[in-house]
Amino acid sequence: MSQAVPHFSLDWLENYRRKLKRTPAPPTGEGRDNPRRTPAHARVTPERPLVPYSPSESVEVPLRAATGKQTDTEKRYNRDVLHGAGRFEAVTLRLPGGGRYTPDFMTVDDGVVTFHEVKGSYRLGSQGRAFTAFHDAAAYYPMWRFVWAKWTGRAWERKTFE
């Protein structure tokens, strides 16, 4: 499955460049040419001129979910518990405060959207952050169901937040 990459028309791009040329230069001490405010990799110098954007140079970026980077625990959960109905990393939720949370699986159960977070028995360093984001999302989106699932090594422990 391919996602369309938006491109600007050449007419739109030329009008935008004309508008940029009419914009007055920033006062001294501000802008791209000030070495104190601009990192070295972003400075425009004679050796590093500003290169205009060309739509023909853009490339399509695949969605992360399309790469299929699931752990063995996630595959087992989708197979054993969701019976293959889980959509892996189908959506990303925006959280209050500017954070984002991408649940492992999304399903629709009896007309209710359900998000599943899957963890293995081995606790990774990222589990604390995922736990916090999971609870923030469950509190911020009460219209959806959230399931925290953990593999103990023998069975699944599931906790549902509605």
Protein backbone atom coordinates (compact mmCIF):
# COMPACT_ATOMS: atom_id res chain seq x y z
CA MET A 1 0.00 0.00 0.00
CA SER A 2 1.43 3.32 -1.08
CA GLN A 3 0.73 6.73 0.36
CA ALA A 4 0.53 9.74 -1.98
CA VAL A 5 3.22 12.35 -1.45
CA PRO A 6 1.91 15.91 -1.83
CA HIS A 7 3.86 18.18 -4.19
CA PHE A 8 3.61 21.89 -4.81
CA SER A 9 2.98 23.06 -8.35
CA LEU A 10 5.77 25.01 -10.05
CA ASP A 11 3.50 28.07 -10.36
CA TRP A 12 2.80 28.02 -6.64
CA LEU A 13 6.51 27.63 -5.89
CA GLU A 14 7.49 30.57 -8.13
CA ASN A 15 4.87 32.82 -6.51
CA TYR A 16 6.13 31.78 -3.09
CA ARG A 17 9.74 32.59 -4.05
CA ARG A 18 8.66 36.01 -5.40
CA LYS A 19 6.90 36.70 -2.13
CA LEU A 20 10.06 35.75 -0.22
CA LYS A 21 12.16 38.18 -2.26
CA ARG A 22 9.79 41.02 -1.33
CA THR A 23 10.14 40.26 2.39
CA PRO A 24 12.59 42.68 4.05
CA ALA A 25 15.75 41.25 5.52
CA PRO A 26 15.70 40.64 9.29
CA PRO A 27 17.39 43.22 11.51
CA THR A 28 21.04 42.71 12.36
CA GLY A 29 21.53 40.04 14.99
CA GLU A 30 18.66 37.85 13.77
CA GLY A 31 18.03 35.39 10.99
CA ARG A 32 19.87 32.63 9.20
CA ASP A 33 23.15 34.49 8.70
CA ASN A 34 23.80 35.21 12.37
CA PRO A 35 26.39 32.64 13.55
CA ARG A 36 25.38 33.16 17.19
CA ARG A 37 21.73 32.13 16.57
CA THR A 38 22.04 29.61 13.74
CA PRO A 39 23.77 26.22 14.05
CA ALA A 40 26.69 25.67 11.68
CA HIS A 41 24.89 23.01 9.62
CA ALA A 42 22.05 25.46 8.81
CA ARG A 43 24.08 28.57 7.93
CA VAL A 44 23.96 29.91 4.39
CA THR A 45 27.49 30.71 3.24
CA PRO A 46 29.13 30.98 -0.18
CA GLU A 47 30.40 27.43 0.32
CA ARG A 48 26.90 26.27 1.44
CA PRO A 49 24.32 28.17 -0.65
CA LEU A 50 20.61 27.83 -0.04
CA VAL A 51 19.38 25.13 -2.43
CA PRO A 52 15.83 25.59 -3.77
CA TYR A 53 13.33 22.80 -3.29
CA SER A 54 12.46 20.72 -6.33
CA PRO A 55 9.41 18.41 -6.33
CA SER A 56 11.26 15.94 -8.55
CA GLU A 57 13.85 15.41 -5.78
CA SER A 58 11.29 14.37 -3.14
CA VAL A 59 10.90 10.70 -2.30
CA GLU A 60 8.03 8.74 -0.85
CA VAL A 61 8.50 7.92 2.83
CA PRO A 62 6.92 4.63 3.88
CA LEU A 63 4.72 4.50 6.96
CA ARG A 64 6.36 2.80 9.93
CA ALA A 65 3.49 0.33 10.21
CA ALA A 66 4.04 -0.72 6.61
CA THR A 67 7.51 -1.98 7.50
CA GLY A 68 6.06 -4.68 9.78
CA LYS A 69 8.57 -4.23 12.61
CA GLN A 70 6.72 -6.26 15.22
CA THR A 71 8.37 -8.03 18.12
CA ASP A 72 7.72 -11.73 18.66
CA THR A 73 5.58 -10.83 21.70
CA GLU A 74 3.41 -8.51 19.58
CA LYS A 75 3.03 -11.18 16.90
CA ARG A 76 2.01 -13.73 19.55
CA TYR A 77 -0.58 -11.33 21.03
CA ASN A 78 -2.12 -10.60 17.64
CA ARG A 79 -2.23 -14.31 16.82
CA ASP A 80 -3.41 -15.71 20.19
CA VAL A 81 -5.60 -12.95 21.63
CA LEU A 82 -6.75 -10.83 18.69
CA HIS A 83 -6.90 -13.78 16.24
CA GLY A 84 -5.14 -11.71 13.56
CA ALA A 85 -7.65 -8.83 13.69
CA GLY A 86 -5.23 -6.27 15.17
CA ARG A 87 -4.01 -3.39 12.98
CA PHE A 88 -0.37 -2.82 13.96
CA GLU A 89 0.46 0.83 14.83
CA ALA A 90 -2.49 2.04 12.75
CA VAL A 91 -2.85 5.45 14.44
CA THR A 92 -0.90 7.94 16.49
CA LEU A 93 -2.79 9.85 19.17
CA ARG A 94 -1.88 13.39 20.16
CA LEU A 95 -1.70 13.87 23.90
CA PRO A 96 -2.17 17.00 25.98
CA GLY A 97 1.13 18.81 26.39
CA GLY A 98 2.28 18.02 22.85
CA GLY A 99 3.20 14.36 23.31
CA ARG A 100 2.21 11.50 21.03
CA TYR A 101 1.27 7.91 21.67
CA THR A 102 1.16 5.09 19.12
CA PRO A 103 -0.61 2.00 20.46
CA ASP A 104 0.66 -1.37 19.29
CA PHE A 105 -2.69 -2.56 17.93
CA MET A 106 -6.11 -1.15 17.11
CA THR A 107 -9.28 -3.21 16.86
CA VAL A 108 -13.00 -2.47 16.66
CA ASP A 109 -14.85 -4.64 19.18
CA ASP A 110 -18.66 -4.42 19.23
CA GLY A 111 -18.51 -0.96 17.67
CA VAL A 112 -15.94 0.37 20.18
CA VAL A 113 -12.45 1.31 19.05
CA THR A 114 -9.95 -0.53 21.24
CA PHE A 115 -6.23 0.21 21.49
CA HIS A 116 -3.88 -2.50 22.78
CA GLU A 117 -0.43 -1.94 24.28
CA VAL A 118 1.64 -5.13 24.44
CA LYS A 119 4.60 -5.71 26.75
CA GLY A 120 6.77 -8.75 27.34
CA SER A 121 7.95 -10.22 30.62
CA TYR A 122 11.31 -8.46 30.27
CA ARG A 123 10.98 -4.81 31.31
CA LEU A 124 12.65 -2.45 28.83
CA GLY A 125 13.77 1.07 29.67
CA SER A 126 11.05 2.52 27.43
CA GLN A 127 8.25 0.76 29.33
CA GLY A 128 7.88 3.57 31.88
CA ARG A 129 7.40 6.18 29.16
CA ALA A 130 4.96 3.91 27.32
CA PHE A 131 3.03 3.30 30.56
CA THR A 132 2.70 7.05 31.19
CA ALA A 133 1.65 7.81 27.61
CA PHE A 134 -0.84 4.91 27.70
CA HIS A 135 -2.53 6.26 30.84
CA ASP A 136 -2.53 9.83 29.48
CA ALA A 137 -4.24 8.60 26.31
CA ALA A 138 -6.78 6.55 28.26
CA ALA A 139 -7.67 9.60 30.36
CA TYR A 140 -7.73 12.04 27.43
CA TYR A 141 -9.80 9.81 25.11
CA PRO A 142 -12.55 8.30 27.31
CA MET A 143 -14.68 7.42 24.27
CA TRP A 144 -12.27 4.58 23.37
CA ARG A 145 -11.21 1.43 25.19
CA PHE A 146 -7.57 0.84 26.11
CA VAL A 147 -6.04 -2.56 26.97
CA TRP A 148 -2.64 -3.01 28.65
CA ALA A 149 -1.46 -6.58 27.94
CA LYS A 150 1.62 -8.19 29.46
CA TRP A 151 3.08 -11.60 28.70
CA THR A 152 4.20 -13.21 31.97
CA GLY A 153 6.03 -16.06 30.28
CA ARG A 154 3.07 -18.42 30.60
CA ALA A 155 -0.09 -16.37 30.03
CA TRP A 156 -1.40 -12.94 29.14
CA GLU A 157 -2.31 -10.49 31.91
CA ARG A 158 -4.78 -7.96 30.50
CA LYS A 159 -6.10 -4.83 32.15
CA THR A 160 -8.87 -2.87 30.42
CA PHE A 161 -9.46 0.89 30.81
CA GLU A 162 -12.84 2.19 29.62
